[in-house]
Amino acid sequence: MKIQLALDRLSIEEAISIAAEVEESIDWIEVGTSLIKEFGMRSVKELKEAFPHKTIVADIKTMDNANYEAELCFEAGADVMTVMGAASASTIEACISKAKEYGKEVMIDLLNVAQDQKQHLAVWEEAILCEHVSKDDQELSGKKNDFNSSVFLGKRLAVAGGITEQSMQNLSGLKPEVVIIGSAITKSENKKEAALRLKTLCQIQEVSQ
């Protein structure tokens, strides 16, 4: 179970500083959508240059223009790019095809994909499928992550959305490949200790599976 550190609403310098502080306890580093929107592909390039041995995720959330956006991500050094599950099959297929060309990977973000619409995405076996509770739903509607079940059990699965030390126990039945964690680390007073505790919880769950 890998920890993907989500870096959002920061400067590139702040993102690099936080990632460096917790580097030993994280596996993947996510260049968040806000960093890409504010600073462009420079954010991806500089994070990869700072952490060449880490898997860098460009959370670009592609909905269209797949070949162009995939090339931007992979040429900048991203190892994984994100595409929305609500995008067309053509868009998702183009992202996956371009990722294969570069020897990289794709994560399909299931944000706001209805339960009865998710199953058709299982055809993309090489992709990582991300169950995701949005930040707006968390902050404005009070929605909590409820990852007790997924139609993608047994698939390559990631989970994201307000994950904390307390909610980590809800993931035991899902056996996700990637746990995406943001503010539980980035907003902690002691980021290094918080990341270590979360990594330990991941390891405990792996042993119990």
N, C-alpha and C. Protein backbone atom coordinates (compact mmCIF):
# COMPACT_ATOMS: atom_id res chain seq x y z
N MET A 1 0.85 -1.19 0.00
CA MET A 1 0.00 0.00 0.00
C MET A 1 0.88 1.24 0.00
N LYS A 2 0.82 2.00 -1.07
CA LYS A 2 1.68 3.16 -1.22
C LYS A 2 0.96 4.42 -0.73
N ILE A 3 1.71 5.35 -0.16
CA ILE A 3 1.18 6.66 0.19
C ILE A 3 1.54 7.63 -0.91
N GLN A 4 0.52 8.27 -1.46
CA GLN A 4 0.70 9.34 -2.44
C GLN A 4 0.45 10.66 -1.74
N LEU A 5 1.47 11.48 -1.64
CA LEU A 5 1.35 12.78 -0.98
C LEU A 5 0.77 13.79 -1.96
N ALA A 6 -0.41 14.31 -1.64
CA ALA A 6 -1.09 15.28 -2.50
C ALA A 6 -0.67 16.69 -2.10
N LEU A 7 -0.08 17.41 -3.04
CA LEU A 7 0.41 18.76 -2.79
C LEU A 7 -0.44 19.75 -3.57
N ASP A 8 -1.25 20.51 -2.86
CA ASP A 8 -2.18 21.46 -3.48
C ASP A 8 -2.16 22.79 -2.75
N ARG A 9 -2.53 23.85 -3.51
CA ARG A 9 -2.66 25.18 -2.94
C ARG A 9 -1.38 25.61 -2.21
N LEU A 10 -0.26 25.39 -2.89
CA LEU A 10 1.05 25.73 -2.37
C LEU A 10 1.86 26.37 -3.49
N SER A 11 2.96 26.99 -3.14
CA SER A 11 3.93 27.37 -4.16
C SER A 11 4.76 26.13 -4.49
N ILE A 12 5.48 26.17 -5.59
CA ILE A 12 6.35 25.04 -5.93
C ILE A 12 7.40 24.85 -4.84
N GLU A 13 7.93 25.94 -4.34
CA GLU A 13 8.96 25.87 -3.30
C GLU A 13 8.40 25.23 -2.03
N GLU A 14 7.20 25.60 -1.65
CA GLU A 14 6.57 25.00 -0.46
C GLU A 14 6.32 23.51 -0.68
N ALA A 15 5.87 23.15 -1.88
CA ALA A 15 5.60 21.75 -2.19
C ALA A 15 6.87 20.91 -2.08
N ILE A 16 7.96 21.42 -2.63
CA ILE A 16 9.24 20.70 -2.56
C ILE A 16 9.71 20.58 -1.12
N SER A 17 9.55 21.63 -0.35
CA SER A 17 9.98 21.63 1.05
C SER A 17 9.22 20.59 1.87
N ILE A 18 7.90 20.54 1.69
CA ILE A 18 7.09 19.57 2.43
C ILE A 18 7.43 18.15 2.02
N ALA A 19 7.56 17.93 0.71
CA ALA A 19 7.88 16.59 0.23
C ALA A 19 9.24 16.13 0.77
N ALA A 20 10.19 17.04 0.83
CA ALA A 20 11.51 16.69 1.35
C ALA A 20 11.45 16.32 2.83
N GLU A 21 10.59 17.01 3.57
CA GLU A 21 10.47 16.77 5.01
C GLU A 21 9.93 15.37 5.30
N VAL A 22 9.05 14.87 4.44
CA VAL A 22 8.38 13.59 4.71
C VAL A 22 8.79 12.50 3.73
N GLU A 23 9.84 12.75 2.97
CA GLU A 23 10.22 11.87 1.86
C GLU A 23 10.36 10.40 2.26
N GLU A 24 10.89 10.15 3.43
CA GLU A 24 11.15 8.78 3.86
C GLU A 24 9.87 7.97 4.07
N SER A 25 8.74 8.64 4.31
CA SER A 25 7.50 7.93 4.63
C SER A 25 6.49 7.90 3.50
N ILE A 26 6.82 8.52 2.37
CA ILE A 26 5.88 8.55 1.25
C ILE A 26 6.48 7.82 0.04
N ASP A 27 5.61 7.42 -0.86
CA ASP A 27 6.05 6.65 -2.02
C ASP A 27 5.89 7.45 -3.32
N TRP A 28 4.72 8.05 -3.50
CA TRP A 28 4.42 8.83 -4.69
C TRP A 28 4.19 10.27 -4.29
N ILE A 29 4.54 11.18 -5.19
CA ILE A 29 4.32 12.61 -4.95
C ILE A 29 3.38 13.15 -6.02
N GLU A 30 2.26 13.68 -5.58
CA GLU A 30 1.26 14.23 -6.50
C GLU A 30 1.44 15.73 -6.67
N VAL A 31 1.67 16.14 -7.90
CA VAL A 31 1.64 17.56 -8.23
C VAL A 31 0.17 17.89 -8.44
N GLY A 32 -0.43 18.55 -7.46
CA GLY A 32 -1.87 18.74 -7.45
C GLY A 32 -2.38 19.61 -8.59
N THR A 33 -3.67 19.50 -8.85
CA THR A 33 -4.30 20.25 -9.92
C THR A 33 -4.08 21.75 -9.76
N SER A 34 -4.12 22.22 -8.53
CA SER A 34 -3.93 23.66 -8.29
C SER A 34 -2.52 24.11 -8.66
N LEU A 35 -1.51 23.29 -8.40
CA LEU A 35 -0.15 23.65 -8.78
C LEU A 35 -0.01 23.70 -10.29
N ILE A 36 -0.61 22.72 -10.97
CA ILE A 36 -0.53 22.69 -12.43
C ILE A 36 -1.26 23.89 -13.03
N LYS A 37 -2.41 24.23 -12.48
CA LYS A 37 -3.17 25.37 -13.00
C LYS A 37 -2.45 26.69 -12.78
N GLU A 38 -1.79 26.82 -11.62
CA GLU A 38 -1.13 28.09 -11.30
C GLU A 38 0.25 28.21 -11.95
N PHE A 39 0.99 27.09 -11.98
CA PHE A 39 2.39 27.17 -12.41
C PHE A 39 2.69 26.37 -13.67
N GLY A 40 1.68 25.68 -14.20
CA GLY A 40 1.89 24.92 -15.42
C GLY A 40 2.79 23.71 -15.23
N MET A 41 3.35 23.22 -16.34
CA MET A 41 4.19 22.03 -16.30
C MET A 41 5.51 22.25 -15.58
N ARG A 42 5.84 23.51 -15.30
CA ARG A 42 7.04 23.79 -14.50
C ARG A 42 6.95 23.13 -13.14
N SER A 43 5.72 23.06 -12.59
CA SER A 43 5.55 22.42 -11.28
C SER A 43 5.88 20.93 -11.35
N VAL A 44 5.47 20.28 -12.41
CA VAL A 44 5.76 18.85 -12.57
C VAL A 44 7.27 18.66 -12.78
N LYS A 45 7.84 19.46 -13.63
CA LYS A 45 9.26 19.35 -13.96
C LYS A 45 10.13 19.56 -12.73
N GLU A 46 9.81 20.58 -11.92
CA GLU A 46 10.64 20.87 -10.77
C GLU A 46 10.49 19.84 -9.66
N LEU A 47 9.29 19.29 -9.49
CA LEU A 47 9.12 18.22 -8.50
C LEU A 47 9.88 16.97 -8.92
N LYS A 48 9.84 16.64 -10.21
CA LYS A 48 10.59 15.47 -10.68
C LYS A 48 12.09 15.68 -10.55
N GLU A 49 12.56 16.88 -10.83
CA GLU A 49 13.99 17.18 -10.68
C GLU A 49 14.41 17.09 -9.22
N ALA A 50 13.53 17.50 -8.32
CA ALA A 50 13.85 17.47 -6.89
C ALA A 50 13.81 16.06 -6.33
N PHE A 51 12.94 15.22 -6.91
CA PHE A 51 12.77 13.85 -6.40
C PHE A 51 12.80 12.86 -7.56
N PRO A 52 13.95 12.70 -8.18
CA PRO A 52 14.02 11.85 -9.39
C PRO A 52 13.72 10.39 -9.15
N HIS A 53 13.86 9.93 -7.92
CA HIS A 53 13.63 8.52 -7.63
C HIS A 53 12.22 8.24 -7.10
N LYS A 54 11.40 9.27 -7.03
CA LYS A 54 10.00 9.09 -6.60
C LYS A 54 9.09 9.05 -7.82
N THR A 55 7.97 8.36 -7.67
CA THR A 55 6.93 8.38 -8.70
C THR A 55 6.19 9.70 -8.59
N ILE A 56 6.19 10.46 -9.68
CA ILE A 56 5.53 11.77 -9.70
C ILE A 56 4.20 11.65 -10.45
N VAL A 57 3.13 12.07 -9.79
CA VAL A 57 1.79 12.02 -10.36
C VAL A 57 1.36 13.43 -10.76
N ALA A 58 1.05 13.61 -12.03
CA ALA A 58 0.52 14.90 -12.50
C ALA A 58 -1.00 14.82 -12.46
N ASP A 59 -1.60 15.49 -11.48
CA ASP A 59 -3.06 15.42 -11.31
C ASP A 59 -3.72 16.46 -12.22
N ILE A 60 -3.62 16.23 -13.51
CA ILE A 60 -4.11 17.19 -14.50
C ILE A 60 -5.60 17.06 -14.75
N LYS A 61 -6.20 15.94 -14.37
CA LYS A 61 -7.64 15.70 -14.50
C LYS A 61 -8.14 15.93 -15.94
N THR A 62 -7.51 15.28 -16.86
CA THR A 62 -7.86 15.45 -18.28
C THR A 62 -9.31 15.05 -18.55
N MET A 63 -10.00 15.91 -19.30
CA MET A 63 -11.36 15.62 -19.76
C MET A 63 -11.45 15.55 -21.28
N ASP A 64 -10.48 16.16 -21.95
CA ASP A 64 -10.48 16.22 -23.41
C ASP A 64 -9.05 16.55 -23.85
N ASN A 65 -8.80 16.52 -25.15
CA ASN A 65 -7.48 16.87 -25.68
C ASN A 65 -6.40 15.98 -25.08
N ALA A 66 -6.69 14.69 -25.06
CA ALA A 66 -5.91 13.74 -24.28
C ALA A 66 -4.46 13.62 -24.73
N ASN A 67 -4.23 13.47 -26.02
CA ASN A 67 -2.87 13.27 -26.49
C ASN A 67 -1.97 14.45 -26.12
N TYR A 68 -2.49 15.64 -26.29
CA TYR A 68 -1.71 16.84 -25.99
C TYR A 68 -1.39 16.93 -24.51
N GLU A 69 -2.40 16.74 -23.66
CA GLU A 69 -2.19 16.88 -22.22
C GLU A 69 -1.31 15.75 -21.68
N ALA A 70 -1.48 14.54 -22.21
CA ALA A 70 -0.64 13.43 -21.77
C ALA A 70 0.82 13.69 -22.11
N GLU A 71 1.06 14.17 -23.31
CA GLU A 71 2.43 14.49 -23.71
C GLU A 71 3.03 15.59 -22.83
N LEU A 72 2.23 16.60 -22.50
CA LEU A 72 2.72 17.65 -21.60
C LEU A 72 3.20 17.04 -20.29
N CYS A 73 2.39 16.15 -19.72
CA CYS A 73 2.72 15.55 -18.43
C CYS A 73 3.98 14.70 -18.51
N PHE A 74 4.01 13.80 -19.49
CA PHE A 74 5.12 12.85 -19.55
C PHE A 74 6.42 13.51 -20.00
N GLU A 75 6.33 14.50 -20.86
CA GLU A 75 7.54 15.22 -21.27
C GLU A 75 8.10 16.04 -20.10
N ALA A 76 7.24 16.46 -19.19
CA ALA A 76 7.68 17.22 -18.02
C ALA A 76 8.26 16.32 -16.93
N GLY A 77 8.11 15.00 -17.09
CA GLY A 77 8.70 14.08 -16.12
C GLY A 77 7.73 13.30 -15.28
N ALA A 78 6.43 13.49 -15.50
CA ALA A 78 5.44 12.73 -14.71
C ALA A 78 5.53 11.24 -15.03
N ASP A 79 5.34 10.43 -14.00
CA ASP A 79 5.29 8.97 -14.16
C ASP A 79 3.85 8.48 -14.29
N VAL A 80 2.93 9.28 -13.76
CA VAL A 80 1.50 8.96 -13.80
C VAL A 80 0.75 10.25 -14.11
N MET A 81 -0.29 10.17 -14.93
CA MET A 81 -1.19 11.30 -15.16
C MET A 81 -2.60 10.87 -14.78
N THR A 82 -3.47 11.84 -14.50
CA THR A 82 -4.85 11.51 -14.18
C THR A 82 -5.78 11.94 -15.31
N VAL A 83 -6.80 11.12 -15.54
CA VAL A 83 -7.86 11.42 -16.49
C VAL A 83 -9.18 11.17 -15.76
N MET A 84 -10.19 11.94 -16.08
CA MET A 84 -11.46 11.80 -15.38
C MET A 84 -12.25 10.61 -15.90
N GLY A 85 -12.84 9.87 -14.99
CA GLY A 85 -13.68 8.74 -15.37
C GLY A 85 -14.91 9.17 -16.15
N ALA A 86 -15.30 10.44 -16.00
CA ALA A 86 -16.45 10.96 -16.73
C ALA A 86 -16.09 11.36 -18.16
N ALA A 87 -14.82 11.30 -18.51
CA ALA A 87 -14.41 11.62 -19.87
C ALA A 87 -14.87 10.52 -20.82
N SER A 88 -14.81 10.80 -22.10
CA SER A 88 -15.23 9.82 -23.09
C SER A 88 -14.26 8.65 -23.11
N ALA A 89 -14.74 7.51 -23.61
CA ALA A 89 -13.88 6.34 -23.74
C ALA A 89 -12.70 6.64 -24.65
N SER A 90 -12.92 7.48 -25.67
CA SER A 90 -11.85 7.85 -26.58
C SER A 90 -10.74 8.60 -25.85
N THR A 91 -11.14 9.49 -24.95
CA THR A 91 -10.16 10.27 -24.19
C THR A 91 -9.35 9.37 -23.27
N ILE A 92 -10.04 8.49 -22.54
CA ILE A 92 -9.34 7.58 -21.63
C ILE A 92 -8.40 6.66 -22.41
N GLU A 93 -8.89 6.13 -23.51
CA GLU A 93 -8.07 5.24 -24.33
C GLU A 93 -6.83 5.96 -24.85
N ALA A 94 -6.99 7.22 -25.26
CA ALA A 94 -5.85 7.99 -25.77
C ALA A 94 -4.81 8.23 -24.68
N CYS A 95 -5.26 8.51 -23.47
CA CYS A 95 -4.32 8.70 -22.36
C CYS A 95 -3.53 7.43 -22.09
N ILE A 96 -4.24 6.31 -22.07
CA ILE A 96 -3.57 5.03 -21.79
C ILE A 96 -2.61 4.68 -22.91
N SER A 97 -3.00 4.91 -24.14
CA SER A 97 -2.14 4.63 -25.28
C SER A 97 -0.87 5.48 -25.23
N LYS A 98 -1.03 6.76 -24.89
CA LYS A 98 0.12 7.65 -24.82
C LYS A 98 1.02 7.26 -23.64
N ALA A 99 0.42 6.84 -22.55
CA ALA A 99 1.21 6.39 -21.40
C ALA A 99 2.06 5.17 -21.77
N LYS A 100 1.48 4.24 -22.50
CA LYS A 100 2.24 3.06 -22.94
C LYS A 100 3.41 3.47 -23.82
N GLU A 101 3.18 4.45 -24.67
CA GLU A 101 4.22 4.94 -25.57
C GLU A 101 5.42 5.46 -24.79
N TYR A 102 5.15 6.11 -23.65
CA TYR A 102 6.20 6.69 -22.82
C TYR A 102 6.67 5.74 -21.71
N GLY A 103 6.03 4.59 -21.57
CA GLY A 103 6.35 3.68 -20.48
C GLY A 103 5.88 4.21 -19.14
N LYS A 104 4.75 4.93 -19.15
CA LYS A 104 4.20 5.56 -17.95
C LYS A 104 2.82 4.97 -17.62
N GLU A 105 2.11 5.59 -16.65
CA GLU A 105 0.84 5.04 -16.20
C GLU A 105 -0.26 6.11 -16.15
N VAL A 106 -1.49 5.61 -16.03
CA VAL A 106 -2.67 6.48 -15.97
C VAL A 106 -3.50 6.12 -14.74
N MET A 107 -3.99 7.15 -14.06
CA MET A 107 -4.94 6.98 -12.97
C MET A 107 -6.27 7.58 -13.42
N ILE A 108 -7.35 6.80 -13.32
CA ILE A 108 -8.68 7.28 -13.69
C ILE A 108 -9.38 7.77 -12.43
N ASP A 109 -9.68 9.06 -12.40
CA ASP A 109 -10.33 9.69 -11.25
C ASP A 109 -11.84 9.50 -11.37
N LEU A 110 -12.43 8.85 -10.36
CA LEU A 110 -13.86 8.52 -10.39
C LEU A 110 -14.72 9.61 -9.75
N LEU A 111 -14.17 10.78 -9.58
CA LEU A 111 -14.90 11.90 -8.98
C LEU A 111 -16.23 12.13 -9.70
N ASN A 112 -17.32 12.04 -8.93
CA ASN A 112 -18.68 12.29 -9.43
C ASN A 112 -19.14 11.33 -10.52
N VAL A 113 -18.49 10.17 -10.63
CA VAL A 113 -19.00 9.13 -11.51
C VAL A 113 -20.02 8.31 -10.71
N ALA A 114 -21.25 8.24 -11.20
CA ALA A 114 -22.31 7.52 -10.49
C ALA A 114 -21.97 6.05 -10.33
N GLN A 115 -22.44 5.46 -9.26
CA GLN A 115 -22.13 4.05 -8.98
C GLN A 115 -22.49 3.16 -10.16
N ASP A 116 -23.66 3.40 -10.76
CA ASP A 116 -24.10 2.52 -11.84
C ASP A 116 -23.36 2.78 -13.15
N GLN A 117 -22.49 3.80 -13.16
CA GLN A 117 -21.71 4.10 -14.35
C GLN A 117 -20.24 3.67 -14.21
N LYS A 118 -19.87 3.20 -13.04
CA LYS A 118 -18.46 2.90 -12.79
C LYS A 118 -18.01 1.60 -13.46
N GLN A 119 -18.87 0.61 -13.49
CA GLN A 119 -18.44 -0.71 -13.88
C GLN A 119 -17.83 -0.75 -15.28
N HIS A 120 -18.32 0.10 -16.19
CA HIS A 120 -17.78 0.06 -17.55
C HIS A 120 -16.33 0.51 -17.62
N LEU A 121 -15.84 1.15 -16.54
CA LEU A 121 -14.45 1.59 -16.52
C LEU A 121 -13.49 0.46 -16.16
N ALA A 122 -14.04 -0.66 -15.71
CA ALA A 122 -13.19 -1.79 -15.32
C ALA A 122 -12.46 -2.38 -16.50
N VAL A 123 -12.88 -2.03 -17.72
CA VAL A 123 -12.22 -2.55 -18.91
C VAL A 123 -10.77 -2.08 -19.01
N TRP A 124 -10.47 -0.96 -18.36
CA TRP A 124 -9.10 -0.42 -18.41
C TRP A 124 -8.26 -1.06 -17.31
N GLU A 125 -7.90 -2.30 -17.52
CA GLU A 125 -7.23 -3.07 -16.47
C GLU A 125 -5.85 -2.53 -16.12
N GLU A 126 -5.19 -1.89 -17.07
CA GLU A 126 -3.85 -1.38 -16.80
C GLU A 126 -3.85 -0.09 -15.99
N ALA A 127 -5.00 0.57 -15.92
CA ALA A 127 -5.10 1.85 -15.21
C ALA A 127 -5.36 1.63 -13.72
N ILE A 128 -5.00 2.65 -12.94
CA ILE A 128 -5.36 2.69 -11.53
C ILE A 128 -6.67 3.44 -11.42
N LEU A 129 -7.63 2.90 -10.70
CA LEU A 129 -8.96 3.50 -10.57
C LEU A 129 -9.07 4.15 -9.19
N CYS A 130 -9.38 5.44 -9.17
CA CYS A 130 -9.32 6.21 -7.92
C CYS A 130 -10.71 6.58 -7.42
N GLU A 131 -11.13 5.96 -6.32
CA GLU A 131 -12.35 6.36 -5.62
C GLU A 131 -12.06 7.67 -4.89
N HIS A 132 -12.88 8.70 -5.13
CA HIS A 132 -12.50 10.04 -4.72
C HIS A 132 -13.70 10.85 -4.21
N VAL A 133 -13.59 11.37 -3.00
CA VAL A 133 -14.57 12.32 -2.47
C VAL A 133 -13.98 13.72 -2.65
N SER A 134 -14.72 14.59 -3.33
CA SER A 134 -14.18 15.90 -3.68
C SER A 134 -13.97 16.80 -2.46
N LYS A 135 -13.07 17.76 -2.62
CA LYS A 135 -12.81 18.73 -1.55
C LYS A 135 -14.04 19.57 -1.27
N ASP A 136 -14.76 19.98 -2.32
CA ASP A 136 -15.96 20.78 -2.11
C ASP A 136 -17.02 19.99 -1.35
N ASP A 137 -17.18 18.70 -1.70
CA ASP A 137 -18.16 17.88 -0.97
C ASP A 137 -17.76 17.75 0.49
N GLN A 138 -16.47 17.64 0.74
CA GLN A 138 -16.00 17.54 2.13
C GLN A 138 -16.23 18.84 2.89
N GLU A 139 -15.84 19.96 2.27
CA GLU A 139 -15.84 21.24 2.99
C GLU A 139 -17.18 21.96 2.98
N LEU A 140 -17.93 21.82 1.88
CA LEU A 140 -19.18 22.57 1.74
C LEU A 140 -20.42 21.76 2.07
N SER A 141 -20.33 20.44 1.87
CA SER A 141 -21.49 19.57 2.13
C SER A 141 -21.30 18.64 3.32
N GLY A 142 -20.10 18.64 3.88
CA GLY A 142 -19.84 17.80 5.04
C GLY A 142 -19.76 16.32 4.72
N LYS A 143 -19.57 15.99 3.45
CA LYS A 143 -19.52 14.57 3.07
C LYS A 143 -18.20 13.96 3.52
N LYS A 144 -18.29 12.74 4.07
CA LYS A 144 -17.10 12.03 4.51
C LYS A 144 -16.78 10.91 3.55
N ASN A 145 -15.49 10.54 3.51
CA ASN A 145 -15.17 9.40 2.66
C ASN A 145 -15.75 8.13 3.26
N ASP A 146 -16.31 7.31 2.43
CA ASP A 146 -16.91 6.05 2.86
C ASP A 146 -16.42 4.98 1.90
N PHE A 147 -15.24 4.47 2.21
CA PHE A 147 -14.60 3.55 1.30
C PHE A 147 -14.71 2.11 1.79
N ASN A 148 -15.88 1.76 2.31
CA ASN A 148 -16.07 0.39 2.79
C ASN A 148 -16.24 -0.59 1.65
N SER A 149 -16.59 -0.10 0.47
CA SER A 149 -16.81 -1.00 -0.66
C SER A 149 -16.48 -0.27 -1.96
N SER A 150 -16.24 -1.05 -2.99
CA SER A 150 -15.97 -0.51 -4.31
C SER A 150 -16.26 -1.59 -5.33
N VAL A 151 -16.75 -1.19 -6.48
CA VAL A 151 -16.99 -2.16 -7.55
C VAL A 151 -15.67 -2.63 -8.14
N PHE A 152 -14.58 -2.01 -7.72
CA PHE A 152 -13.27 -2.33 -8.28
C PHE A 152 -12.40 -3.16 -7.34
N LEU A 153 -13.02 -3.85 -6.40
CA LEU A 153 -12.26 -4.74 -5.53
C LEU A 153 -11.49 -5.74 -6.38
N GLY A 154 -10.21 -5.90 -6.06
CA GLY A 154 -9.39 -6.81 -6.83
C GLY A 154 -8.70 -6.15 -8.01
N LYS A 155 -9.08 -4.92 -8.31
CA LYS A 155 -8.45 -4.15 -9.38
C LYS A 155 -7.35 -3.26 -8.77
N ARG A 156 -6.65 -2.56 -9.63
CA ARG A 156 -5.69 -1.57 -9.15
C ARG A 156 -6.47 -0.36 -8.64
N LEU A 157 -6.48 -0.16 -7.35
CA LEU A 157 -7.38 0.81 -6.73
C LEU A 157 -6.59 1.84 -5.93
N ALA A 158 -7.03 3.10 -6.04
CA ALA A 158 -6.53 4.19 -5.20
C ALA A 158 -7.73 4.82 -4.50
N VAL A 159 -7.48 5.44 -3.37
CA VAL A 159 -8.55 6.13 -2.64
C VAL A 159 -8.06 7.52 -2.26
N ALA A 160 -8.97 8.50 -2.33
CA ALA A 160 -8.60 9.88 -2.05
C ALA A 160 -9.79 10.64 -1.48
N GLY A 161 -9.48 11.61 -0.62
CA GLY A 161 -10.53 12.49 -0.13
C GLY A 161 -10.62 12.54 1.38
N GLY A 162 -9.86 13.41 1.99
CA GLY A 162 -9.96 13.62 3.43
C GLY A 162 -9.52 12.45 4.28
N ILE A 163 -8.59 11.67 3.79
CA ILE A 163 -8.13 10.50 4.55
C ILE A 163 -7.26 10.96 5.72
N THR A 164 -7.56 10.43 6.89
CA THR A 164 -6.85 10.76 8.12
C THR A 164 -6.39 9.47 8.80
N GLU A 165 -5.66 9.62 9.90
CA GLU A 165 -5.26 8.44 10.67
C GLU A 165 -6.50 7.68 11.14
N GLN A 166 -7.53 8.42 11.52
CA GLN A 166 -8.75 7.78 12.03
C GLN A 166 -9.49 7.02 10.94
N SER A 167 -9.53 7.57 9.75
CA SER A 167 -10.31 6.93 8.69
C SER A 167 -9.54 5.84 7.96
N MET A 168 -8.24 5.70 8.24
CA MET A 168 -7.45 4.67 7.58
C MET A 168 -8.01 3.27 7.81
N GLN A 169 -8.63 3.06 8.99
CA GLN A 169 -9.16 1.73 9.31
C GLN A 169 -10.30 1.34 8.36
N ASN A 170 -10.95 2.32 7.73
CA ASN A 170 -12.04 2.01 6.81
C ASN A 170 -11.55 1.39 5.51
N LEU A 171 -10.23 1.42 5.30
CA LEU A 171 -9.69 0.95 4.03
C LEU A 171 -9.33 -0.53 4.03
N SER A 172 -9.43 -1.17 5.18
CA SER A 172 -8.94 -2.54 5.30
C SER A 172 -9.60 -3.50 4.33
N GLY A 173 -10.88 -3.29 4.04
CA GLY A 173 -11.57 -4.21 3.14
C GLY A 173 -11.31 -3.96 1.67
N LEU A 174 -10.79 -2.78 1.36
CA LEU A 174 -10.59 -2.42 -0.04
C LEU A 174 -9.24 -2.86 -0.60
N LYS A 175 -8.25 -2.96 0.28
CA LYS A 175 -6.90 -3.32 -0.13
C LYS A 175 -6.40 -2.44 -1.28
N PRO A 176 -6.43 -1.12 -1.10
CA PRO A 176 -6.01 -0.23 -2.20
C PRO A 176 -4.52 -0.32 -2.45
N GLU A 177 -4.15 -0.11 -3.69
CA GLU A 177 -2.72 -0.05 -4.04
C GLU A 177 -2.12 1.28 -3.61
N VAL A 178 -2.94 2.35 -3.68
CA VAL A 178 -2.45 3.69 -3.38
C VAL A 178 -3.45 4.40 -2.47
N VAL A 179 -2.94 5.01 -1.41
CA VAL A 179 -3.75 5.85 -0.52
C VAL A 179 -3.26 7.28 -0.70
N ILE A 180 -4.16 8.16 -1.14
CA ILE A 180 -3.78 9.54 -1.44
C ILE A 180 -4.10 10.42 -0.23
N ILE A 181 -3.07 11.04 0.31
CA ILE A 181 -3.21 11.80 1.55
C ILE A 181 -2.66 13.20 1.35
N GLY A 182 -3.47 14.19 1.72
CA GLY A 182 -3.04 15.57 1.59
C GLY A 182 -2.91 16.26 2.93
N SER A 183 -4.00 16.90 3.38
CA SER A 183 -3.92 17.77 4.54
C SER A 183 -3.57 17.06 5.84
N ALA A 184 -3.83 15.76 5.94
CA ALA A 184 -3.45 15.03 7.15
C ALA A 184 -1.93 15.06 7.35
N ILE A 185 -1.21 15.31 6.27
CA ILE A 185 0.24 15.50 6.36
C ILE A 185 0.61 16.97 6.20
N THR A 186 0.14 17.58 5.13
CA THR A 186 0.61 18.93 4.78
C THR A 186 0.19 20.00 5.79
N LYS A 187 -0.91 19.78 6.51
CA LYS A 187 -1.37 20.77 7.48
C LYS A 187 -1.05 20.37 8.91
N SER A 188 -0.33 19.28 9.08
CA SER A 188 0.06 18.84 10.42
C SER A 188 1.17 19.73 10.97
N GLU A 189 1.15 19.94 12.28
CA GLU A 189 2.21 20.75 12.89
C GLU A 189 3.56 20.05 12.77
N ASN A 190 3.54 18.72 12.87
CA ASN A 190 4.76 17.95 12.70
C ASN A 190 4.53 16.99 11.53
N LYS A 191 4.85 17.46 10.36
CA LYS A 191 4.55 16.71 9.14
C LYS A 191 5.30 15.38 9.07
N LYS A 192 6.54 15.39 9.50
CA LYS A 192 7.35 14.17 9.44
C LYS A 192 6.76 13.07 10.31
N GLU A 193 6.36 13.43 11.52
CA GLU A 193 5.77 12.44 12.43
C GLU A 193 4.41 11.97 11.91
N ALA A 194 3.61 12.88 11.37
CA ALA A 194 2.30 12.50 10.84
C ALA A 194 2.46 11.52 9.69
N ALA A 195 3.40 11.80 8.79
CA ALA A 195 3.62 10.92 7.65
C ALA A 195 4.10 9.54 8.11
N LEU A 196 4.96 9.52 9.11
CA LEU A 196 5.46 8.25 9.63
C LEU A 196 4.34 7.42 10.26
N ARG A 197 3.46 8.08 11.00
CA ARG A 197 2.33 7.36 11.61
C ARG A 197 1.42 6.76 10.53
N LEU A 198 1.16 7.54 9.49
CA LEU A 198 0.31 7.06 8.40
C LEU A 198 0.97 5.92 7.64
N LYS A 199 2.27 6.01 7.44
CA LYS A 199 2.99 4.93 6.79
C LYS A 199 2.93 3.65 7.63
N THR A 200 3.07 3.80 8.93
CA THR A 200 2.98 2.65 9.83
C THR A 200 1.61 2.01 9.76
N LEU A 201 0.56 2.83 9.71
CA LEU A 201 -0.80 2.30 9.58
C LEU A 201 -0.96 1.53 8.27
N CYS A 202 -0.39 2.03 7.20
CA CYS A 202 -0.43 1.31 5.91
C CYS A 202 0.25 -0.04 6.03
N GLN A 203 1.39 -0.06 6.69
CA GLN A 203 2.13 -1.31 6.83
C GLN A 203 1.38 -2.32 7.68
N ILE A 204 0.72 -1.83 8.74
CA ILE A 204 -0.08 -2.71 9.59
C ILE A 204 -1.22 -3.33 8.79
N GLN A 205 -1.87 -2.51 7.96
CA GLN A 205 -2.98 -3.03 7.14
C GLN A 205 -2.49 -4.05 6.13
N GLU A 206 -1.32 -3.82 5.58
CA GLU A 206 -0.77 -4.78 4.60
C GLU A 206 -0.52 -6.12 5.27
N VAL A 207 0.01 -6.11 6.47
CA VAL A 207 0.29 -7.35 7.20
C VAL A 207 -0.99 -8.10 7.52
N SER A 208 -2.06 -7.35 7.83
CA SER A 208 -3.33 -7.97 8.24
C SER A 208 -4.15 -8.46 7.07
N GLN A 209 -3.79 -8.11 5.85
CA GLN A 209 -4.57 -8.50 4.68
C GLN A 209 -4.31 -9.96 4.30
